[in-house]
Amino acid sequence: MKSKAVVLVGVILLCELAAINSEEWPGFSPLVTKENRRTLTLTESGGITAVDVHVGCRGSYHLQFITMEPGSLFLPVLLHTDMLFYVHTGRGTVTYISEDETDEIDVVRGDVYRLQQGTAFYVRSHPDPTREKLRVHAIFDKTDIEDPLGFSVSAYSNLSDMVRGFDEKVLQSGFGVSEETIRGLKWVPAPPSIVPTTRGNETEKPNWKEGIVEALLGVGGPTDVMNKKTTKTKTYNFFEAKPDVANRNGWSTAVTREDLRALEGSNLAPFMVNLSRGSMMGPHWNPRATEIAVVIQGQGMVQMVCPSDPSGKVDDDFACRNTKFKVEEGDAFVVPRFHPMTQVSYNNDTFVFVGFSSMAGNNHPQFLAGRSSVLQALDRDVVAASFNAPNASTIEGLLASQGESIILACTSCAEELERTMEEDIERRKREEEEAKKREAAATKREEDEAK
């Protein structure tokens, strides 16, 4: 089995996730529901929603969910940071301009690819007889664009806005066109990020607006600088590749630099997990990677365990607490490194999520249960002492019983986790109400004594 086979699961974060309140951990929530996304763009041609996640001293990430109607155009932008994306549905073409050449990628469902910071690109969604939309999930590493002076910097900027920022005289001389042409370009209302488009007759002479866009992107035109070589770049497709791990309980795949050359130099790597009904990703942790994932099909339960402190010291105000939560299609969830986790599907539905693991280099997830358990490598007497078990034979039976590894059967586990989660919520509510009553009673006694 390849070592990458166990680079799985996922979600996000390390220290905190902003904008979402958490009852479990102050300043951190492992769950970002679909309803928490904010809308960046919404037109008849498509829309963009987004959410930001912060990882404390290690930086932050920006997630965008781009939806394009068939036959629409995502207008040219300049990336301020790396962008790693997954194609959820539909078909389209991504055209981008790197330092050396113009590349074009035809993308379909299941494709992943990375565009580097400093790249200018645009996207065309293909016309489709079934009217299937092109849906793209993208993640941006905001660590590279945090401005030391405190200025707000977005993940990318529109090329047209960059042009409009200059004075008319500068643009007139720069493009070598008339003042009237520049005014027609500079003072028209700015279009939304996604607009309808049709590919006209390619033999027709482009109009002045198309000529300026081509000049901005470095394609077409009379100079050597604009005559770049055009190539066809290949993406990585989850559904065409052989899974790293596959059995009757599901399959999983993690993409490495060997699978996709575009990941060279990236701090993120994509993965996908597909759990059959009544299955689970075995309990495990990542020693180097924090994970960010989005549910793309079905629903499931996620349980995350906090690393223990051997000293036994606990700060109630900032203590990390074990937690479990339900996720549905469109939700994002996060697991910091070193935090043991498991993802579980319900008996009546599959559970599929795609994600991005940070700091993935040399990360080898460690499993606690199953044939791949790290406990298998330890001396049985040592394991027995760790669990305060009566003898090593008890541990031997524990470790020898499971015949599967990585993805395991877990009938009714999600249902049971949801039940205990609801009980925990009700218990916390009762404890909070009782605490409020005690506080009110103490306040009243102090008032009575003061009188």
Protein backbone atom coordinates (compact mmCIF):
# COMPACT_ATOMS: atom_id res chain seq x y z
CA MET A 1 0.00 0.00 0.00
CA LYS A 2 1.29 3.42 -0.90
CA SER A 3 2.16 5.67 2.01
CA LYS A 4 -0.13 8.33 0.62
CA ALA A 5 -3.04 5.93 1.02
CA VAL A 6 -3.60 7.08 4.55
CA VAL A 7 -3.49 10.81 3.88
CA LEU A 8 -7.22 11.22 4.28
CA VAL A 9 -10.23 12.85 5.70
CA GLY A 10 -10.90 16.19 6.52
CA VAL A 11 -11.40 19.61 7.41
CA ILE A 12 -9.73 22.65 8.61
CA LEU A 13 -7.80 24.66 11.09
CA LEU A 14 -5.33 24.75 13.89
CA CYS A 15 -5.97 27.41 16.49
CA GLU A 16 -9.27 29.13 15.74
CA LEU A 17 -12.06 29.54 13.23
CA ALA A 18 -13.46 33.05 13.15
CA ALA A 19 -17.02 34.19 12.60
CA ILE A 20 -18.53 31.03 14.12
CA ASN A 21 -19.32 30.70 17.82
CA SER A 22 -18.35 27.43 19.46
CA GLU A 23 -19.87 25.86 22.54
CA GLU A 24 -17.07 23.29 22.64
CA TRP A 25 -13.88 25.32 22.32
CA PRO A 26 -13.58 29.07 22.88
CA GLY A 27 -12.51 30.74 19.63
CA PHE A 28 -12.67 27.50 17.61
CA SER A 29 -15.38 25.55 15.81
CA PRO A 30 -14.70 22.51 13.67
CA LEU A 31 -17.97 22.96 11.75
CA VAL A 32 -18.93 25.63 9.21
CA THR A 33 -22.43 25.00 7.91
CA LYS A 34 -23.56 25.95 4.43
CA GLU A 35 -25.78 28.66 5.92
CA ASN A 36 -22.71 30.46 7.29
CA ARG A 37 -21.34 31.30 3.85
CA ARG A 38 -21.46 34.93 2.74
CA THR A 39 -22.44 35.89 -0.81
CA LEU A 40 -19.80 37.67 -2.91
CA THR A 41 -21.55 37.64 -6.28
CA LEU A 42 -25.04 36.64 -7.41
CA THR A 43 -26.33 37.10 -10.98
CA GLU A 44 -28.44 35.18 -13.49
CA SER A 45 -25.17 33.76 -14.86
CA GLY A 46 -23.89 32.42 -11.56
CA GLY A 47 -22.75 33.22 -8.05
CA ILE A 48 -19.90 33.02 -5.56
CA THR A 49 -20.15 32.35 -1.83
CA ALA A 50 -17.26 32.24 0.62
CA VAL A 51 -16.08 31.61 4.16
CA ASP A 52 -12.79 32.45 5.91
CA VAL A 53 -11.03 30.16 8.34
CA HIS A 54 -8.19 31.27 10.59
CA VAL A 55 -5.47 29.06 11.99
CA GLY A 56 -3.94 31.43 14.51
CA CYS A 57 -0.19 31.76 14.24
CA ARG A 58 -0.17 29.50 11.18
CA GLY A 59 -2.25 31.81 9.01
CA SER A 60 -5.67 31.51 7.44
CA TYR A 61 -7.56 30.10 4.48
CA HIS A 62 -10.31 31.40 2.24
CA LEU A 63 -12.89 29.03 0.73
CA GLN A 64 -14.94 30.01 -2.32
CA PHE A 65 -17.83 28.12 -3.89
CA ILE A 66 -18.20 29.22 -7.51
CA THR A 67 -21.34 28.33 -9.49
CA MET A 68 -21.56 29.10 -13.23
CA GLU A 69 -24.54 28.59 -15.51
CA PRO A 70 -23.83 26.78 -18.82
CA GLY A 71 -22.34 29.17 -21.36
CA SER A 72 -21.09 31.74 -18.84
CA LEU A 73 -17.76 33.44 -18.23
CA PHE A 74 -15.83 34.03 -15.01
CA LEU A 75 -14.02 37.26 -15.89
CA PRO A 76 -10.19 37.51 -15.80
CA VAL A 77 -8.58 37.92 -12.38
CA LEU A 78 -5.05 38.06 -10.99
CA LEU A 79 -4.29 35.62 -8.17
CA HIS A 80 -2.68 37.16 -5.08
CA THR A 81 -2.09 33.70 -3.58
CA ASP A 82 -2.17 30.04 -4.57
CA MET A 83 -5.53 28.56 -5.54
CA LEU A 84 -6.31 24.84 -5.32
CA PHE A 85 -9.69 23.86 -6.77
CA TYR A 86 -12.01 20.87 -7.18
CA VAL A 87 -14.69 20.59 -9.89
CA HIS A 88 -17.90 19.37 -8.26
CA THR A 89 -20.21 19.34 -11.30
CA GLY A 90 -20.31 20.47 -14.92
CA ARG A 91 -17.69 21.10 -17.60
CA GLY A 92 -15.60 24.12 -18.53
CA THR A 93 -12.27 25.49 -19.66
CA VAL A 94 -9.77 27.29 -17.45
CA THR A 95 -7.37 29.52 -19.36
CA TYR A 96 -4.44 30.92 -17.42
CA ILE A 97 -1.31 32.87 -18.17
CA SER A 98 1.87 31.93 -16.37
CA GLU A 99 5.29 33.51 -16.79
CA ASP A 100 6.21 31.29 -19.72
CA GLU A 101 3.07 30.43 -21.62
CA THR A 102 -0.69 30.38 -21.90
CA ASP A 103 -2.20 27.16 -20.62
CA GLU A 104 -5.69 25.82 -21.14
CA ILE A 105 -7.36 23.13 -19.04
CA ASP A 106 -10.61 21.40 -19.91
CA VAL A 107 -12.16 20.49 -16.55
CA VAL A 108 -14.91 18.02 -15.67
CA ARG A 109 -16.46 16.59 -12.52
CA GLY A 110 -13.81 15.15 -10.18
CA ASP A 111 -10.88 17.22 -11.48
CA VAL A 112 -8.44 18.99 -9.17
CA TYR A 113 -5.72 21.47 -10.09
CA ARG A 114 -3.57 24.24 -8.63
CA LEU A 115 -2.94 27.74 -9.96
CA GLN A 116 0.02 29.62 -8.51
CA GLN A 117 -0.01 33.16 -7.13
CA GLY A 118 0.68 35.79 -9.75
CA THR A 119 -1.31 33.87 -12.38
CA ALA A 120 -4.03 35.58 -14.41
CA PHE A 121 -6.91 33.32 -15.42
CA TYR A 122 -10.51 33.15 -16.55
CA VAL A 123 -13.08 30.34 -16.82
CA ARG A 124 -15.66 29.45 -19.47
CA SER A 125 -18.44 27.01 -18.60
CA HIS A 126 -19.41 24.79 -21.52
CA PRO A 127 -22.95 24.83 -22.91
CA ASP A 128 -24.79 21.75 -21.67
CA PRO A 129 -28.05 20.24 -23.02
CA THR A 130 -29.03 19.17 -19.49
CA ARG A 131 -28.28 22.67 -18.12
CA GLU A 132 -25.80 21.24 -15.60
CA LYS A 133 -23.96 24.03 -13.83
CA LEU A 134 -20.19 24.25 -13.42
CA ARG A 135 -19.54 24.18 -9.69
CA VAL A 136 -16.03 24.75 -8.39
CA HIS A 137 -14.82 24.52 -4.77
CA ALA A 138 -11.61 26.55 -4.32
CA ILE A 139 -9.28 27.16 -1.40
CA PHE A 140 -6.80 30.03 -1.11
CA ASP A 141 -3.88 30.22 1.31
CA LYS A 142 -4.18 33.72 2.76
CA THR A 143 -0.91 33.51 4.66
CA ASP A 144 0.97 34.82 1.61
CA ILE A 145 -1.22 37.93 1.30
CA GLU A 146 -1.34 39.15 4.88
CA ASP A 147 -0.19 42.74 4.59
CA PRO A 148 2.24 43.90 7.30
CA LEU A 149 0.75 47.39 7.16
CA GLY A 150 -2.72 46.08 7.88
CA PHE A 151 -4.24 46.69 4.43
CA SER A 152 -7.02 44.32 3.42
CA VAL A 153 -5.91 42.08 0.54
CA SER A 154 -8.30 39.74 -1.27
CA ALA A 155 -7.47 36.38 -2.81
CA TYR A 156 -7.55 37.90 -6.30
CA SER A 157 -8.36 41.12 -8.14
CA ASN A 158 -10.20 41.84 -11.39
CA LEU A 159 -7.88 42.84 -14.21
CA SER A 160 -10.39 45.41 -15.46
CA ASP A 161 -10.41 47.14 -12.05
CA MET A 162 -6.61 47.28 -12.13
CA VAL A 163 -6.75 49.05 -15.49
CA ARG A 164 -9.49 51.48 -14.49
CA GLY A 165 -7.43 52.67 -11.56
CA PHE A 166 -4.98 54.54 -13.81
CA ASP A 167 -5.48 58.04 -15.23
CA GLU A 168 -6.87 58.35 -18.72
CA LYS A 169 -3.66 59.84 -20.11
CA VAL A 170 -1.59 56.96 -18.78
CA LEU A 171 -3.95 54.43 -20.32
CA GLN A 172 -4.14 56.30 -23.61
CA SER A 173 -0.37 56.29 -23.97
CA GLY A 174 0.04 52.81 -22.55
CA PHE A 175 -2.37 51.15 -24.95
CA GLY A 176 -1.74 53.51 -27.85
CA VAL A 177 -5.42 54.24 -28.42
CA SER A 178 -7.58 57.35 -28.56
CA GLU A 179 -8.87 59.26 -25.58
CA GLU A 180 -12.41 58.40 -26.65
CA THR A 181 -11.60 54.68 -26.57
CA ILE A 182 -10.16 54.91 -23.06
CA ARG A 183 -13.16 56.82 -21.77
CA GLY A 184 -15.45 54.19 -23.24
CA LEU A 185 -13.48 51.57 -21.31
CA LYS A 186 -12.88 53.43 -18.05
CA TRP A 187 -16.24 54.97 -17.30
CA VAL A 188 -18.69 52.18 -18.16
CA PRO A 189 -20.22 50.34 -15.17
CA ALA A 190 -18.08 47.46 -13.94
CA PRO A 191 -19.64 44.07 -14.77
CA PRO A 192 -20.16 41.33 -12.14
CA SER A 193 -17.59 38.57 -11.81
CA ILE A 194 -19.68 36.09 -13.83
CA VAL A 195 -21.40 37.11 -17.07
CA PRO A 196 -23.12 35.32 -19.97
CA THR A 197 -20.97 34.65 -23.00
CA THR A 198 -21.04 33.05 -26.42
CA ARG A 199 -18.13 32.09 -28.60
CA GLY A 200 -18.64 34.08 -31.75
CA ASN A 201 -17.18 33.41 -35.15
CA GLU A 202 -13.45 33.15 -34.48
CA THR A 203 -12.67 34.53 -37.94
CA GLU A 204 -14.31 37.82 -37.09
CA LYS A 205 -12.05 40.68 -36.12
CA PRO A 206 -12.18 41.26 -32.33
CA ASN A 207 -13.52 44.59 -31.14
CA TRP A 208 -11.48 47.10 -29.19
CA LYS A 209 -12.60 45.74 -25.79
CA GLU A 210 -11.51 42.21 -26.66
CA GLY A 211 -8.20 43.54 -27.92
CA ILE A 212 -7.47 45.27 -24.64
CA VAL A 213 -8.40 42.16 -22.63
CA GLU A 214 -6.05 40.11 -24.80
CA ALA A 215 -3.30 42.64 -24.20
CA LEU A 216 -3.89 42.44 -20.45
CA LEU A 217 -3.66 38.67 -20.48
CA GLY A 218 -0.69 38.51 -22.78
CA VAL A 219 -2.41 36.55 -25.54
CA GLY A 220 -2.60 37.68 -29.14
CA GLY A 221 -1.15 40.96 -30.37
CA PRO A 222 1.87 41.85 -32.47
CA THR A 223 4.70 41.76 -29.94
CA ASP A 224 6.91 38.85 -28.93
CA VAL A 225 5.85 39.36 -25.32
CA MET A 226 2.25 38.53 -26.21
CA ASN A 227 3.00 35.59 -28.51
CA LYS A 228 3.15 32.95 -25.81
CA LYS A 229 3.10 29.24 -26.42
CA THR A 230 -0.26 27.63 -25.73
CA THR A 231 -0.28 24.16 -24.17
CA LYS A 232 -2.84 21.68 -22.91
CA THR A 233 -2.43 20.92 -19.22
CA LYS A 234 -3.75 17.72 -17.62
CA THR A 235 -5.61 17.74 -14.34
CA TYR A 236 -6.00 14.92 -11.82
CA ASN A 237 -9.44 13.29 -11.68
CA PHE A 238 -10.61 11.47 -8.55
CA PHE A 239 -13.11 9.31 -10.41
CA GLU A 240 -10.72 8.17 -13.13
CA ALA A 241 -7.82 7.30 -10.79
CA LYS A 242 -7.41 4.08 -8.85
CA PRO A 243 -8.24 4.65 -5.15
CA ASP A 244 -5.44 4.42 -2.59
CA VAL A 245 -7.72 2.42 -0.28
CA ALA A 246 -10.83 0.52 -1.37
CA ASN A 247 -12.98 -2.19 0.18
CA ARG A 248 -16.66 -2.96 0.68
CA ASN A 249 -16.89 -0.09 3.18
CA GLY A 250 -15.78 2.64 0.76
CA TRP A 251 -12.70 4.17 -0.82
CA SER A 252 -10.32 7.09 -0.42
CA THR A 253 -7.71 8.87 -2.50
CA ALA A 254 -5.10 11.49 -1.64
CA VAL A 255 -3.27 13.39 -4.38
CA THR A 256 0.49 13.90 -4.14
CA ARG A 257 3.04 15.80 -6.18
CA GLU A 258 3.82 12.56 -8.01
CA ASP A 259 0.18 12.43 -9.16
CA LEU A 260 -0.13 16.11 -10.11
CA ARG A 261 2.95 18.13 -11.00
CA ALA A 262 1.08 21.38 -10.43
CA LEU A 263 1.26 20.68 -6.68
CA GLU A 264 5.03 21.27 -6.64
CA GLY A 265 5.71 23.98 -4.05
CA SER A 266 2.14 23.96 -2.77
CA ASN A 267 1.30 23.84 0.94
CA LEU A 268 -2.01 22.10 0.20
CA ALA A 269 -2.95 18.69 -1.20
CA PRO A 270 -6.44 17.48 -2.19
CA PHE A 271 -8.14 14.28 -1.06
CA MET A 272 -11.50 12.54 -1.32
CA VAL A 273 -13.24 10.02 0.93
CA ASN A 274 -16.30 8.00 -0.09
CA LEU A 275 -17.89 6.01 2.75
CA SER A 276 -20.53 3.37 2.01
CA ARG A 277 -23.63 3.09 4.16
CA GLY A 278 -22.89 2.19 7.77
CA SER A 279 -19.11 2.69 7.48
CA MET A 280 -16.39 4.82 9.03
CA MET A 281 -12.92 6.13 8.47
CA GLY A 282 -11.03 4.43 11.27
CA PRO A 283 -9.95 6.59 14.23
CA HIS A 284 -6.67 8.29 13.32
CA TRP A 285 -4.67 11.51 13.58
CA ASN A 286 -2.41 13.57 11.31
CA PRO A 287 1.04 14.38 12.72
CA ARG A 288 1.74 17.19 10.22
CA ALA A 289 -1.45 18.13 8.37
CA THR A 290 -4.47 20.23 9.24
CA GLU A 291 -7.39 19.31 7.00
CA ILE A 292 -10.19 21.26 5.36
CA ALA A 293 -13.09 19.39 3.73
CA VAL A 294 -16.50 20.00 2.18
CA VAL A 295 -19.32 17.45 2.15
CA ILE A 296 -20.32 16.87 -1.48
CA GLN A 297 -22.83 14.03 -1.00
CA GLY A 298 -24.95 12.63 1.80
CA GLN A 299 -24.49 13.27 5.48
CA GLY A 300 -22.48 11.87 8.34
CA MET A 301 -21.15 12.30 11.84
CA VAL A 302 -17.65 13.51 12.76
CA GLN A 303 -16.04 12.87 16.13
CA MET A 304 -12.87 14.62 17.20
CA VAL A 305 -10.84 13.91 20.34
CA CYS A 306 -8.55 16.42 22.02
CA PRO A 307 -4.91 15.46 22.66
CA SER A 308 -4.47 14.88 26.39
CA ASP A 309 -2.06 16.75 28.65
CA PRO A 310 0.17 14.30 30.58
CA SER A 311 0.48 16.87 33.37
CA GLY A 312 -3.23 16.64 34.00
CA LYS A 313 -3.54 20.44 34.13
CA VAL A 314 -6.75 21.78 32.63
CA ASP A 315 -7.72 25.42 32.09
CA ASP A 316 -11.52 25.35 32.03
CA ASP A 317 -11.69 28.61 30.13
CA PHE A 318 -9.51 27.45 27.25
CA ALA A 319 -9.69 23.68 27.49
CA CYS A 320 -10.11 21.70 24.30
CA ARG A 321 -13.05 19.33 24.72
CA ASN A 322 -13.93 16.18 22.82
CA THR A 323 -16.69 16.93 20.35
CA LYS A 324 -18.96 15.33 17.78
CA PHE A 325 -21.17 16.98 15.18
CA LYS A 326 -23.38 16.19 12.21
CA VAL A 327 -22.45 17.39 8.70
CA GLU A 328 -24.59 17.59 5.59
CA GLU A 329 -24.03 18.35 1.92
CA GLY A 330 -22.40 21.78 1.54
CA ASP A 331 -21.02 21.92 5.09
CA ALA A 332 -17.29 22.33 5.74
CA PHE A 333 -15.52 20.83 8.72
CA VAL A 334 -12.07 21.13 10.31
CA VAL A 335 -9.64 18.90 12.17
CA PRO A 336 -6.33 20.29 13.47
CA ARG A 337 -3.24 18.13 13.39
CA PHE A 338 -2.62 15.81 16.36
CA HIS A 339 -6.38 15.59 16.99
CA PRO A 340 -7.69 12.01 16.64
CA MET A 341 -10.82 11.85 14.49
CA THR A 342 -13.29 9.59 12.74
CA GLN A 343 -15.95 10.21 10.08
CA VAL A 344 -19.01 7.94 10.02
CA SER A 345 -21.81 7.41 7.49
CA TYR A 346 -25.45 6.68 8.34
CA ASN A 347 -27.08 3.32 7.62
CA ASN A 348 -29.29 4.83 4.91
CA ASP A 349 -26.86 7.03 2.97
CA THR A 350 -23.33 7.26 1.62
CA PHE A 351 -21.05 10.00 2.92
CA VAL A 352 -18.64 11.69 0.49
CA PHE A 353 -16.34 14.61 1.20
CA VAL A 354 -13.52 16.30 -0.67
CA GLY A 355 -10.89 18.38 1.03
CA PHE A 356 -7.45 19.90 1.24
CA SER A 357 -4.77 19.02 3.76
CA SER A 358 -2.28 21.68 4.79
CA MET A 359 1.37 21.02 5.62
CA ALA A 360 0.89 17.67 3.86
CA GLY A 361 4.58 17.06 3.13
CA ASN A 362 5.82 13.87 4.80
CA ASN A 363 2.53 13.50 6.61
CA HIS A 364 1.70 9.87 7.37
CA PRO A 365 -1.65 9.57 9.19
CA GLN A 366 -1.54 7.24 12.16
CA PHE A 367 -4.50 4.92 12.76
CA LEU A 368 -5.59 3.78 16.21
CA ALA A 369 -7.91 0.93 15.19
CA GLY A 370 -7.87 -1.76 12.52
CA ARG A 371 -5.07 -3.80 11.05
CA SER A 372 -3.03 -0.62 10.43
CA SER A 373 -3.22 0.49 14.07
CA VAL A 374 -0.03 1.95 15.51
CA LEU A 375 -0.78 -0.16 18.59
CA GLN A 376 0.09 -3.24 16.52
CA ALA A 377 3.73 -2.12 16.49
CA LEU A 378 3.97 -1.82 20.27
CA ASP A 379 4.78 -4.52 22.77
CA ARG A 380 1.54 -6.02 24.11
CA ASP A 381 2.63 -5.67 27.75
CA VAL A 382 3.35 -1.98 27.17
CA VAL A 383 -0.08 -1.45 25.60
CA ALA A 384 -1.72 -3.36 28.45
CA ALA A 385 0.04 -1.16 31.01
CA SER A 386 -1.06 1.96 29.10
CA PHE A 387 -4.72 0.91 29.29
CA ASN A 388 -4.34 -0.49 32.81
CA ALA A 389 -5.59 -3.79 31.40
CA PRO A 390 -5.38 -6.89 33.62
CA ASN A 391 -3.12 -8.75 31.19
CA ALA A 392 -1.64 -8.71 27.69
CA SER A 393 -4.12 -11.32 26.42
CA THR A 394 -6.91 -8.76 26.73
CA ILE A 395 -5.01 -6.40 24.44
CA GLU A 396 -4.13 -9.27 22.10
CA GLY A 397 -7.81 -9.99 21.62
CA LEU A 398 -8.54 -6.31 21.10
CA LEU A 399 -5.96 -5.91 18.33
CA ALA A 400 -6.52 -9.24 16.60
CA SER A 401 -10.30 -9.00 16.19
CA GLN A 402 -10.49 -6.44 13.36
CA GLY A 403 -9.72 -7.84 9.91
CA GLU A 404 -10.10 -4.58 7.98
CA SER A 405 -7.87 -1.50 7.94
CA ILE A 406 -8.38 2.23 7.28
CA ILE A 407 -12.10 2.12 6.25
CA LEU A 408 -14.19 -0.05 8.57
CA ALA A 409 -17.78 -1.25 8.92
CA CYS A 410 -19.73 0.65 11.57
CA THR A 411 -23.43 -0.20 11.49
CA SER A 412 -25.63 2.35 13.30
CA CYS A 413 -22.55 4.21 14.60
CA ALA A 414 -23.63 7.54 13.10
CA GLU A 415 -27.11 7.16 14.55
CA GLU A 416 -25.66 6.43 17.99
CA LEU A 417 -23.24 9.36 17.77
CA GLU A 418 -26.09 11.69 16.86
CA ARG A 419 -28.16 10.42 19.78
CA THR A 420 -25.36 10.98 22.30
CA MET A 421 -24.62 14.38 20.73
CA GLU A 422 -28.22 15.47 21.34
CA GLU A 423 -28.03 14.15 24.90
CA ASP A 424 -24.83 16.14 25.46
CA ILE A 425 -26.50 19.29 24.14
CA GLU A 426 -29.48 18.83 26.46
CA ARG A 427 -27.18 18.14 29.41
CA ARG A 428 -25.18 21.32 28.76
CA LYS A 429 -28.39 23.33 28.54
CA ARG A 430 -29.53 21.99 31.90
CA GLU A 431 -26.13 22.72 33.46
CA GLU A 432 -26.20 26.27 32.07
CA GLU A 433 -29.72 26.86 33.39
CA GLU A 434 -28.77 25.51 36.82
CA ALA A 435 -25.66 27.70 36.86
CA LYS A 436 -27.79 30.74 36.02
CA LYS A 437 -30.22 29.88 38.81
CA ARG A 438 -27.37 29.51 41.32
CA GLU A 439 -25.91 32.81 40.19
CA ALA A 440 -29.29 34.54 40.49
CA ALA A 441 -29.80 33.07 43.95
CA ALA A 442 -26.33 34.20 45.06
CA THR A 443 -27.02 37.70 43.74
CA LYS A 444 -30.33 37.84 45.60
CA ARG A 445 -28.68 36.75 48.87
CA GLU A 446 -26.05 39.48 48.48
CA GLU A 447 -28.80 42.05 47.86
CA ASP A 448 -30.76 40.84 50.90
CA GLU A 449 -27.66 41.00 53.08
CA ALA A 450 -26.90 44.49 51.82
CA LYS A 451 -30.42 45.61 52.76
